């Protein structure tokens, strides 16, 4: 479906996988790290575990996923990559066209994916194989900044809806002591 996957499989693991990732595409004015941050953080976390000799201690598989066409920029329909993984992408989506008239099916075939109902079924993950999913993402609004919170945790997405953030949101999977925006902000931010 255009997603990119990387997987670490521990020896003799029978646990459900931890999926970590985000989307590769972005929308206009979403910021330099929209989507990409979640992919970079996932790869970086596994690299740190490997470098420190802790990767082999994992007891469950960890899979990094970079989802394709989540924002709907090309085909004007969202969540193509994640919907395929979830098994909820309808076969009819294959006939949706971009502005140049190329269908999703044609684009996938040009990239060596036989886009058919059977192929979409093979992309689907079994719910029994997945334990959890984590996505690091930049907030695209003023809520965390206004509350002076360096980090927030959500249980789902709400599109452009801004959610009230609770103080317990400061606890997160990773112990980050510095605001990620500070780390990634170029010296001369041309995107202000």
N, C-alpha and C. Protein backbone atom coordinates (compact mmCIF):
# COMPACT_ATOMS: atom_id res chain seq x y z
N UNK A 1 0.81 -1.20 0.00
CA UNK A 1 0.00 0.00 0.00
C UNK A 1 0.85 1.25 0.00
N UNK A 2 2.16 1.09 0.00
CA UNK A 2 3.05 2.24 0.04
C UNK A 2 3.61 2.51 1.41
N UNK A 3 3.16 1.77 2.42
CA UNK A 3 3.73 1.91 3.76
C UNK A 3 5.12 1.31 3.77
N UNK A 4 5.96 1.81 4.66
CA UNK A 4 7.30 1.24 4.84
C UNK A 4 7.36 0.68 6.26
N UNK A 5 7.83 -0.56 6.37
CA UNK A 5 7.86 -1.25 7.66
C UNK A 5 9.29 -1.69 7.99
N UNK A 6 9.63 -1.62 9.24
CA UNK A 6 10.87 -2.19 9.76
C UNK A 6 10.51 -2.89 11.06
N UNK A 7 11.01 -4.08 11.28
CA UNK A 7 10.57 -4.86 12.44
C UNK A 7 11.75 -5.50 13.15
N UNK A 8 11.74 -5.38 14.48
CA UNK A 8 12.68 -6.13 15.32
C UNK A 8 11.90 -7.26 15.97
N UNK A 9 12.39 -8.46 15.79
CA UNK A 9 11.74 -9.65 16.32
C UNK A 9 12.67 -10.30 17.34
N UNK A 10 12.34 -10.21 18.64
CA UNK A 10 13.19 -10.83 19.65
C UNK A 10 13.17 -12.35 19.52
N UNK A 11 14.20 -12.99 20.02
CA UNK A 11 14.28 -14.45 20.00
C UNK A 11 13.14 -15.03 20.83
N UNK A 12 12.49 -16.02 20.30
CA UNK A 12 11.45 -16.78 21.00
C UNK A 12 10.30 -15.93 21.53
N UNK A 13 9.98 -14.83 20.88
CA UNK A 13 8.88 -13.98 21.34
C UNK A 13 7.56 -14.50 20.82
N UNK A 14 6.58 -14.52 21.69
CA UNK A 14 5.22 -14.85 21.29
C UNK A 14 4.26 -13.71 21.63
N UNK A 15 4.81 -12.61 22.16
CA UNK A 15 3.99 -11.46 22.54
C UNK A 15 3.47 -10.73 21.31
N UNK A 16 2.43 -9.93 21.56
CA UNK A 16 1.89 -9.06 20.53
C UNK A 16 2.88 -7.92 20.27
N UNK A 17 2.87 -7.41 19.06
CA UNK A 17 3.83 -6.38 18.66
C UNK A 17 3.45 -5.00 19.17
N UNK A 18 4.47 -4.21 19.43
CA UNK A 18 4.33 -2.78 19.67
C UNK A 18 4.61 -2.11 18.33
N UNK A 19 3.64 -1.36 17.82
CA UNK A 19 3.82 -0.62 16.58
C UNK A 19 4.11 0.83 16.93
N UNK A 20 5.12 1.39 16.29
CA UNK A 20 5.48 2.79 16.50
C UNK A 20 5.66 3.43 15.13
N UNK A 21 5.10 4.60 14.93
CA UNK A 21 5.29 5.25 13.64
C UNK A 21 4.44 6.48 13.48
N UNK A 22 4.30 6.87 12.22
CA UNK A 22 3.50 8.03 11.86
C UNK A 22 3.35 8.03 10.35
N UNK A 23 2.98 9.16 9.79
CA UNK A 23 2.77 9.26 8.35
C UNK A 23 3.93 9.99 7.67
N UNK A 24 4.17 9.62 6.41
CA UNK A 24 5.26 10.21 5.64
C UNK A 24 4.87 11.52 4.97
N UNK A 25 3.61 11.70 4.69
CA UNK A 25 3.18 12.89 3.95
C UNK A 25 2.81 14.01 4.92
N UNK A 26 2.57 15.16 4.37
CA UNK A 26 2.20 16.31 5.19
C UNK A 26 1.23 17.19 4.41
N UNK A 27 0.57 18.07 5.10
CA UNK A 27 -0.31 19.03 4.44
C UNK A 27 0.38 20.38 4.43
N UNK A 28 -0.11 21.26 3.60
CA UNK A 28 0.46 22.60 3.49
C UNK A 28 0.37 23.30 4.85
N UNK A 29 1.44 23.93 5.25
CA UNK A 29 1.53 24.69 6.49
C UNK A 29 1.44 23.84 7.76
N UNK A 30 1.71 22.56 7.66
CA UNK A 30 1.64 21.69 8.85
C UNK A 30 2.92 21.73 9.67
N UNK A 31 3.97 22.29 9.13
CA UNK A 31 5.23 22.35 9.85
C UNK A 31 6.24 21.37 9.29
N UNK A 32 7.50 21.63 9.59
CA UNK A 32 8.59 20.83 9.02
C UNK A 32 8.56 19.37 9.45
N UNK A 33 8.03 19.09 10.62
CA UNK A 33 8.14 17.74 11.16
C UNK A 33 6.80 17.02 11.27
N UNK A 34 5.77 17.51 10.60
CA UNK A 34 4.47 16.86 10.61
C UNK A 34 4.63 15.43 10.12
N UNK A 35 4.30 14.46 10.92
CA UNK A 35 4.39 13.07 10.53
C UNK A 35 5.79 12.51 10.64
N UNK A 36 6.74 13.16 10.00
CA UNK A 36 8.12 12.66 9.98
C UNK A 36 8.71 12.50 11.37
N UNK A 37 8.33 13.37 12.30
CA UNK A 37 8.86 13.29 13.66
C UNK A 37 8.58 11.92 14.28
N UNK A 38 7.37 11.41 14.09
CA UNK A 38 7.01 10.12 14.66
C UNK A 38 7.82 8.97 14.09
N UNK A 39 8.17 9.06 12.84
CA UNK A 39 8.99 8.03 12.20
C UNK A 39 10.42 8.13 12.70
N UNK A 40 10.95 9.35 12.73
CA UNK A 40 12.33 9.57 13.19
C UNK A 40 12.48 9.15 14.65
N UNK A 41 11.51 9.50 15.50
CA UNK A 41 11.58 9.12 16.92
C UNK A 41 11.54 7.61 17.09
N UNK A 42 10.72 6.93 16.32
CA UNK A 42 10.63 5.47 16.42
C UNK A 42 11.95 4.81 16.05
N UNK A 43 12.53 5.23 14.95
CA UNK A 43 13.81 4.67 14.51
C UNK A 43 14.91 5.01 15.51
N UNK A 44 14.89 6.24 15.99
CA UNK A 44 15.90 6.68 16.96
C UNK A 44 15.81 5.90 18.27
N UNK A 45 14.59 5.63 18.73
CA UNK A 45 14.42 4.87 19.97
C UNK A 45 15.01 3.47 19.83
N UNK A 46 14.77 2.82 18.71
CA UNK A 46 15.34 1.49 18.50
C UNK A 46 16.85 1.55 18.36
N UNK A 47 17.35 2.61 17.73
CA UNK A 47 18.80 2.76 17.60
C UNK A 47 19.45 2.91 18.97
N UNK A 48 18.85 3.72 19.84
CA UNK A 48 19.39 3.90 21.19
C UNK A 48 19.40 2.57 21.94
N UNK A 49 18.33 1.81 21.82
CA UNK A 49 18.29 0.50 22.47
C UNK A 49 19.39 -0.42 21.93
N UNK A 50 19.63 -0.38 20.62
CA UNK A 50 20.67 -1.21 20.03
C UNK A 50 22.05 -0.77 20.50
N UNK A 51 22.33 0.52 20.44
CA UNK A 51 23.64 1.06 20.80
C UNK A 51 23.97 0.80 22.28
N UNK A 52 22.95 0.87 23.12
CA UNK A 52 23.17 0.67 24.56
C UNK A 52 23.09 -0.81 24.96
N UNK A 53 22.90 -1.69 23.99
CA UNK A 53 22.85 -3.12 24.28
C UNK A 53 21.55 -3.59 24.91
N UNK A 54 20.52 -2.80 24.81
CA UNK A 54 19.25 -3.16 25.44
C UNK A 54 18.21 -3.72 24.47
N UNK A 55 18.49 -3.65 23.19
CA UNK A 55 17.52 -4.11 22.20
C UNK A 55 17.21 -5.60 22.38
N UNK A 56 18.22 -6.39 22.65
CA UNK A 56 18.03 -7.83 22.80
C UNK A 56 17.23 -8.19 24.04
N UNK A 57 17.06 -7.25 24.96
CA UNK A 57 16.27 -7.51 26.17
C UNK A 57 14.77 -7.42 25.93
N UNK A 58 14.37 -6.86 24.79
CA UNK A 58 12.94 -6.72 24.52
C UNK A 58 12.29 -8.10 24.45
N UNK A 59 11.09 -8.18 24.96
CA UNK A 59 10.37 -9.45 24.96
C UNK A 59 9.23 -9.48 23.96
N UNK A 60 8.99 -8.36 23.31
CA UNK A 60 7.93 -8.33 22.31
C UNK A 60 8.48 -7.73 21.02
N UNK A 61 7.92 -8.08 19.89
CA UNK A 61 8.34 -7.47 18.62
C UNK A 61 8.02 -5.98 18.62
N UNK A 62 8.86 -5.21 17.95
CA UNK A 62 8.63 -3.78 17.77
C UNK A 62 8.71 -3.52 16.28
N UNK A 63 7.68 -2.87 15.76
CA UNK A 63 7.63 -2.57 14.34
C UNK A 63 7.46 -1.08 14.13
N UNK A 64 8.33 -0.52 13.30
CA UNK A 64 8.23 0.88 12.91
C UNK A 64 7.47 0.91 11.59
N UNK A 65 6.44 1.76 11.53
CA UNK A 65 5.65 1.89 10.30
C UNK A 65 5.62 3.35 9.89
N UNK A 66 5.94 3.59 8.63
CA UNK A 66 5.79 4.90 8.01
C UNK A 66 4.59 4.78 7.06
N UNK A 67 3.48 5.37 7.47
CA UNK A 67 2.24 5.25 6.70
C UNK A 67 2.24 6.16 5.48
N UNK A 68 1.69 5.66 4.39
CA UNK A 68 1.58 6.44 3.17
C UNK A 68 0.22 7.15 3.11
N UNK A 69 0.20 8.28 2.48
CA UNK A 69 -1.00 9.04 2.14
C UNK A 69 -2.05 9.10 3.25
N UNK A 70 -1.64 9.54 4.42
CA UNK A 70 -2.57 9.70 5.55
C UNK A 70 -3.32 11.01 5.47
N UNK A 71 -2.71 12.01 4.89
CA UNK A 71 -3.29 13.35 4.89
C UNK A 71 -4.21 13.62 3.69
N UNK A 72 -4.21 12.74 2.72
CA UNK A 72 -5.11 12.90 1.58
C UNK A 72 -4.70 13.96 0.59
N UNK A 73 -3.43 14.30 0.57
CA UNK A 73 -2.97 15.37 -0.32
C UNK A 73 -3.10 14.98 -1.78
N UNK A 74 -2.65 13.79 -2.14
CA UNK A 74 -2.67 13.41 -3.55
C UNK A 74 -4.06 12.96 -4.01
N UNK A 75 -4.70 12.07 -3.29
CA UNK A 75 -5.96 11.48 -3.75
C UNK A 75 -7.19 12.06 -3.05
N UNK A 76 -7.00 13.09 -2.24
CA UNK A 76 -8.11 13.77 -1.57
C UNK A 76 -8.96 12.82 -0.73
N UNK A 77 -8.32 11.79 -0.18
CA UNK A 77 -8.96 10.87 0.74
C UNK A 77 -7.92 10.50 1.78
N UNK A 78 -8.29 10.44 3.03
CA UNK A 78 -7.31 10.30 4.10
C UNK A 78 -7.15 8.86 4.58
N UNK A 79 -6.07 8.64 5.30
CA UNK A 79 -5.78 7.40 6.02
C UNK A 79 -5.64 6.17 5.11
N UNK A 80 -5.11 6.32 3.92
CA UNK A 80 -4.98 5.17 3.03
C UNK A 80 -4.05 4.11 3.63
N UNK A 81 -2.88 4.51 4.10
CA UNK A 81 -1.92 3.55 4.64
C UNK A 81 -2.38 2.87 5.90
N UNK A 82 -2.90 3.64 6.85
CA UNK A 82 -3.34 3.04 8.11
C UNK A 82 -4.63 2.25 7.95
N UNK A 83 -5.52 2.70 7.07
CA UNK A 83 -6.76 1.97 6.83
C UNK A 83 -6.46 0.61 6.21
N UNK A 84 -5.44 0.54 5.35
CA UNK A 84 -5.06 -0.74 4.76
C UNK A 84 -4.54 -1.69 5.84
N UNK A 85 -3.71 -1.18 6.74
CA UNK A 85 -3.16 -2.00 7.83
C UNK A 85 -4.29 -2.46 8.76
N UNK A 86 -5.26 -1.60 9.00
CA UNK A 86 -6.39 -1.94 9.88
C UNK A 86 -7.40 -2.86 9.19
N UNK A 87 -7.28 -2.99 7.87
CA UNK A 87 -8.21 -3.85 7.14
C UNK A 87 -9.56 -3.22 6.87
N UNK A 88 -9.61 -1.90 6.90
CA UNK A 88 -10.89 -1.22 6.68
C UNK A 88 -10.90 -0.37 5.41
N UNK A 89 -9.89 -0.52 4.58
CA UNK A 89 -9.82 0.24 3.32
C UNK A 89 -10.71 -0.44 2.29
N UNK A 90 -11.75 0.23 1.81
CA UNK A 90 -12.64 -0.42 0.84
C UNK A 90 -11.96 -0.57 -0.52
N UNK A 91 -12.30 -1.63 -1.20
CA UNK A 91 -11.74 -1.88 -2.54
C UNK A 91 -12.05 -0.73 -3.49
N UNK A 92 -13.15 -0.05 -3.29
CA UNK A 92 -13.56 1.05 -4.17
C UNK A 92 -12.54 2.19 -4.16
N UNK A 93 -11.74 2.29 -3.12
CA UNK A 93 -10.75 3.38 -3.04
C UNK A 93 -9.71 3.25 -4.16
N UNK A 94 -9.54 2.05 -4.68
CA UNK A 94 -8.55 1.83 -5.74
C UNK A 94 -8.89 2.60 -7.01
N UNK A 95 -10.14 2.98 -7.17
CA UNK A 95 -10.57 3.71 -8.38
C UNK A 95 -10.60 5.22 -8.19
N UNK A 96 -10.24 5.71 -7.03
CA UNK A 96 -10.18 7.16 -6.79
C UNK A 96 -8.99 7.73 -7.57
N UNK A 97 -9.19 8.88 -8.20
CA UNK A 97 -8.15 9.49 -9.05
C UNK A 97 -7.56 10.74 -8.42
N UNK A 98 -6.30 11.01 -8.77
CA UNK A 98 -5.69 12.28 -8.38
C UNK A 98 -6.03 13.33 -9.44
N UNK A 99 -5.47 14.52 -9.31
CA UNK A 99 -5.80 15.61 -10.23
C UNK A 99 -5.38 15.33 -11.67
N UNK A 100 -4.38 14.45 -11.86
CA UNK A 100 -3.93 14.13 -13.21
C UNK A 100 -4.69 12.95 -13.82
N UNK A 101 -5.61 12.36 -13.05
CA UNK A 101 -6.39 11.24 -13.56
C UNK A 101 -5.83 9.87 -13.20
N UNK A 102 -4.70 9.81 -12.52
CA UNK A 102 -4.11 8.54 -12.11
C UNK A 102 -4.88 8.00 -10.91
N UNK A 103 -5.30 6.73 -11.00
CA UNK A 103 -6.03 6.14 -9.89
C UNK A 103 -5.06 5.61 -8.82
N UNK A 104 -5.59 5.38 -7.63
CA UNK A 104 -4.80 4.77 -6.56
C UNK A 104 -4.24 3.44 -7.05
N UNK A 105 -5.05 2.66 -7.72
CA UNK A 105 -4.62 1.36 -8.22
C UNK A 105 -3.45 1.49 -9.20
N UNK A 106 -3.53 2.45 -10.11
CA UNK A 106 -2.45 2.66 -11.08
C UNK A 106 -1.16 3.11 -10.38
N UNK A 107 -1.30 4.02 -9.42
CA UNK A 107 -0.11 4.50 -8.69
C UNK A 107 0.56 3.36 -7.93
N UNK A 108 -0.24 2.50 -7.33
CA UNK A 108 0.33 1.37 -6.59
C UNK A 108 1.00 0.38 -7.53
N UNK A 109 0.38 0.11 -8.67
CA UNK A 109 0.99 -0.82 -9.64
C UNK A 109 2.31 -0.27 -10.18
N UNK A 110 2.38 1.06 -10.38
CA UNK A 110 3.63 1.67 -10.84
C UNK A 110 4.74 1.50 -9.81
N UNK A 111 4.35 1.27 -8.57
CA UNK A 111 5.32 1.08 -7.49
C UNK A 111 5.36 -0.36 -6.99
N UNK A 112 5.06 -1.29 -7.90
CA UNK A 112 5.22 -2.73 -7.67
C UNK A 112 4.30 -3.32 -6.62
N UNK A 113 3.11 -2.76 -6.45
CA UNK A 113 2.11 -3.35 -5.56
C UNK A 113 0.90 -3.69 -6.39
N UNK A 114 0.58 -4.96 -6.48
CA UNK A 114 -0.58 -5.41 -7.25
C UNK A 114 -1.83 -5.03 -6.47
N UNK A 115 -2.42 -3.93 -6.83
CA UNK A 115 -3.56 -3.38 -6.10
C UNK A 115 -4.84 -4.09 -6.49
N UNK A 116 -5.26 -5.02 -5.64
CA UNK A 116 -6.51 -5.75 -5.85
C UNK A 116 -7.12 -6.00 -4.47
N UNK A 117 -8.35 -6.48 -4.46
CA UNK A 117 -9.01 -6.79 -3.18
C UNK A 117 -8.20 -7.83 -2.42
N UNK A 118 -7.67 -8.82 -3.11
CA UNK A 118 -6.87 -9.86 -2.45
C UNK A 118 -5.59 -9.28 -1.86
N UNK A 119 -4.95 -8.39 -2.60
CA UNK A 119 -3.70 -7.78 -2.12
C UNK A 119 -3.97 -6.90 -0.90
N UNK A 120 -5.09 -6.17 -0.91
CA UNK A 120 -5.44 -5.35 0.24
C UNK A 120 -5.67 -6.22 1.47
N UNK A 121 -6.25 -7.38 1.28
CA UNK A 121 -6.47 -8.32 2.38
C UNK A 121 -5.17 -8.81 2.98
N UNK A 122 -4.12 -8.92 2.17
CA UNK A 122 -2.83 -9.38 2.67
C UNK A 122 -2.09 -8.31 3.46
N UNK A 123 -2.41 -7.06 3.23
CA UNK A 123 -1.77 -5.94 3.93
C UNK A 123 -2.31 -5.81 5.36
N UNK A 124 -3.52 -6.28 5.58
CA UNK A 124 -4.18 -6.16 6.88
C UNK A 124 -3.42 -6.89 7.98
N UNK A 125 -3.30 -6.22 9.11
CA UNK A 125 -2.71 -6.85 10.30
C UNK A 125 -3.80 -7.56 11.07
N UNK A 126 -3.50 -8.69 11.62
CA UNK A 126 -4.42 -9.39 12.49
C UNK A 126 -4.47 -8.65 13.83
N UNK A 127 -5.65 -8.30 14.32
CA UNK A 127 -5.73 -7.60 15.60
C UNK A 127 -5.05 -8.38 16.74
N UNK A 128 -5.04 -9.68 16.65
CA UNK A 128 -4.41 -10.51 17.67
C UNK A 128 -2.89 -10.39 17.67
N UNK A 129 -2.31 -9.84 16.61
CA UNK A 129 -0.86 -9.73 16.53
C UNK A 129 -0.33 -8.39 17.04
N UNK A 130 -1.23 -7.44 17.31
CA UNK A 130 -0.82 -6.10 17.71
C UNK A 130 -1.25 -5.84 19.16
N UNK A 131 -0.26 -5.48 19.98
CA UNK A 131 -0.55 -5.16 21.38
C UNK A 131 -0.89 -3.71 21.58
N UNK A 132 -0.15 -2.81 20.90
CA UNK A 132 -0.38 -1.38 21.07
C UNK A 132 0.29 -0.60 19.95
N UNK A 133 -0.09 0.66 19.87
CA UNK A 133 0.46 1.56 18.87
C UNK A 133 0.80 2.88 19.55
N UNK A 134 1.99 3.40 19.26
CA UNK A 134 2.43 4.69 19.80
C UNK A 134 2.84 5.57 18.63
N UNK A 135 2.39 6.82 18.67
CA UNK A 135 2.78 7.78 17.63
C UNK A 135 3.18 9.09 18.29
N UNK A 136 4.42 9.49 18.07
CA UNK A 136 4.88 10.81 18.51
C UNK A 136 4.50 11.78 17.40
N UNK A 137 3.86 12.88 17.79
CA UNK A 137 3.41 13.85 16.78
C UNK A 137 3.47 15.25 17.37
N UNK A 138 3.77 16.21 16.54
CA UNK A 138 3.75 17.60 16.97
C UNK A 138 2.31 18.06 17.11
N UNK A 139 2.06 18.88 18.12
CA UNK A 139 0.74 19.49 18.23
C UNK A 139 0.67 20.61 17.20
N UNK A 140 -0.41 20.65 16.46
CA UNK A 140 -0.57 21.67 15.43
C UNK A 140 -1.58 22.71 15.90
N UNK A 141 -1.39 23.15 17.10
CA UNK A 141 -2.26 24.17 17.68
C UNK A 141 -1.61 24.73 18.93
N UNK A 142 -2.27 25.64 19.59
CA UNK A 142 -1.65 26.38 20.69
C UNK A 142 -1.89 25.82 22.10
N UNK A 143 -2.59 24.70 22.25
CA UNK A 143 -3.02 24.26 23.57
C UNK A 143 -1.86 23.98 24.51
N UNK A 144 -0.94 23.11 24.12
CA UNK A 144 0.18 22.76 25.00
C UNK A 144 1.06 23.97 25.30
N UNK A 145 1.32 24.75 24.28
CA UNK A 145 2.15 25.95 24.47
C UNK A 145 1.48 26.93 25.43
N UNK A 146 0.18 27.12 25.28
CA UNK A 146 -0.55 28.05 26.14
C UNK A 146 -0.54 27.57 27.60
N UNK A 147 -0.59 26.26 27.79
CA UNK A 147 -0.57 25.69 29.14
C UNK A 147 0.86 25.50 29.67
N UNK A 148 1.83 25.79 28.82
CA UNK A 148 3.26 25.64 29.15
C UNK A 148 3.61 24.18 29.46
N UNK A 149 2.94 23.26 28.75
CA UNK A 149 3.23 21.83 28.88
C UNK A 149 4.19 21.44 27.76
N UNK A 150 5.28 20.77 28.07
CA UNK A 150 6.19 20.36 27.01
C UNK A 150 5.70 19.15 26.24
N UNK A 151 4.70 18.45 26.77
CA UNK A 151 4.28 17.18 26.17
C UNK A 151 2.84 16.90 26.53
N UNK A 152 2.12 16.22 25.64
CA UNK A 152 0.75 15.81 25.91
C UNK A 152 0.55 14.38 25.45
N UNK A 153 -0.39 13.70 26.03
CA UNK A 153 -0.71 12.32 25.66
C UNK A 153 -2.20 12.27 25.35
N UNK A 154 -2.54 11.68 24.22
CA UNK A 154 -3.94 11.52 23.83
C UNK A 154 -4.23 10.05 23.59
N UNK A 155 -5.51 9.70 23.58
CA UNK A 155 -5.92 8.33 23.34
C UNK A 155 -6.51 8.16 21.94
N UNK A 156 -6.51 9.19 21.16
CA UNK A 156 -7.07 9.14 19.81
C UNK A 156 -6.79 10.46 19.12
N UNK A 157 -7.30 10.59 17.91
CA UNK A 157 -7.10 11.84 17.19
C UNK A 157 -8.44 12.54 17.02
N UNK A 158 -8.38 13.84 16.89
CA UNK A 158 -9.61 14.61 16.75
C UNK A 158 -9.53 15.58 15.58
N UNK A 159 -8.65 15.34 14.65
CA UNK A 159 -8.53 16.23 13.51
C UNK A 159 -8.19 17.63 13.93
N UNK A 160 -8.95 18.59 13.49
CA UNK A 160 -8.68 19.99 13.82
C UNK A 160 -9.29 20.41 15.16
N UNK A 161 -9.99 19.50 15.83
CA UNK A 161 -10.58 19.83 17.13
C UNK A 161 -9.48 19.93 18.17
N UNK A 162 -9.51 20.97 18.98
CA UNK A 162 -8.52 21.14 20.04
C UNK A 162 -9.09 20.60 21.33
N UNK A 163 -8.32 19.75 22.00
CA UNK A 163 -8.78 19.10 23.21
C UNK A 163 -8.20 19.77 24.45
N UNK A 164 -8.95 19.73 25.55
CA UNK A 164 -8.44 20.19 26.83
C UNK A 164 -7.42 19.16 27.31
N UNK A 165 -6.27 19.63 27.74
CA UNK A 165 -5.18 18.75 28.15
C UNK A 165 -5.12 18.71 29.67
N UNK A 166 -5.03 17.53 30.24
CA UNK A 166 -4.96 17.36 31.69
C UNK A 166 -3.51 17.34 32.15
N UNK A 167 -3.27 17.72 33.40
CA UNK A 167 -1.90 17.78 33.91
C UNK A 167 -1.24 16.41 33.93
N UNK A 168 -2.03 15.33 33.99
CA UNK A 168 -1.45 13.99 33.97
C UNK A 168 -0.82 13.67 32.63
N UNK A 169 -1.08 14.51 31.63
CA UNK A 169 -0.51 14.29 30.31
C UNK A 169 1.00 14.47 30.27
N UNK A 170 1.56 15.00 31.33
CA UNK A 170 3.00 15.21 31.34
C UNK A 170 3.76 13.89 31.43
N UNK A 171 3.09 12.85 31.87
CA UNK A 171 3.74 11.55 31.92
C UNK A 171 3.64 10.92 30.55
N UNK A 172 4.74 10.39 30.07
CA UNK A 172 4.74 9.84 28.73
C UNK A 172 5.65 8.63 28.68
N UNK A 173 5.57 7.88 27.60
CA UNK A 173 6.36 6.68 27.45
C UNK A 173 7.86 6.96 27.56
N UNK A 174 8.29 8.07 27.04
CA UNK A 174 9.70 8.43 27.06
C UNK A 174 9.95 9.50 28.11
N UNK A 175 11.10 9.53 28.73
CA UNK A 175 11.44 10.59 29.68
C UNK A 175 12.20 11.67 28.94
N UNK A 176 11.47 12.62 28.45
CA UNK A 176 12.09 13.71 27.73
C UNK A 176 12.16 14.90 28.66
N UNK A 177 13.33 15.44 28.82
CA UNK A 177 13.52 16.56 29.73
C UNK A 177 13.56 17.89 29.00
N UNK A 178 13.53 17.83 27.68
CA UNK A 178 13.60 19.05 26.89
C UNK A 178 12.45 19.03 25.90
N UNK A 179 11.84 20.14 25.68
CA UNK A 179 10.76 20.25 24.72
C UNK A 179 11.29 19.88 23.34
N UNK A 180 10.62 18.95 22.65
CA UNK A 180 11.08 18.46 21.35
C UNK A 180 11.18 19.60 20.33
N UNK A 181 10.32 20.60 20.46
CA UNK A 181 10.43 21.72 19.52
C UNK A 181 11.74 22.46 19.67
N UNK A 182 12.26 22.56 20.90
CA UNK A 182 13.53 23.22 21.14
C UNK A 182 14.66 22.44 20.49
N UNK A 183 14.59 21.13 20.57
CA UNK A 183 15.63 20.29 19.99
C UNK A 183 15.66 20.44 18.47
N UNK A 184 14.48 20.47 17.85
CA UNK A 184 14.40 20.43 16.40
C UNK A 184 14.39 21.80 15.74
N UNK A 185 14.19 22.85 16.50
CA UNK A 185 14.07 24.19 15.92
C UNK A 185 15.41 24.64 15.33
N UNK A 186 15.43 24.99 14.06
CA UNK A 186 16.66 25.53 13.46
C UNK A 186 17.03 26.86 14.12
N UNK A 187 18.31 27.22 14.04
CA UNK A 187 18.77 28.49 14.64
C UNK A 187 18.01 29.66 14.05
N UNK A 188 17.77 29.64 12.77
CA UNK A 188 17.04 30.71 12.10
C UNK A 188 15.78 30.09 11.52
N UNK A 189 14.70 30.13 12.27
CA UNK A 189 13.47 29.47 11.87
C UNK A 189 12.77 30.28 10.78
N UNK A 190 12.84 29.80 9.56
CA UNK A 190 12.22 30.50 8.44
C UNK A 190 10.72 30.20 8.36
N UNK A 191 10.18 29.35 9.26
CA UNK A 191 8.78 28.98 9.18
C UNK A 191 7.91 29.74 10.17
N UNK A 192 8.42 30.77 10.82
CA UNK A 192 7.62 31.54 11.79
C UNK A 192 6.54 32.31 11.10
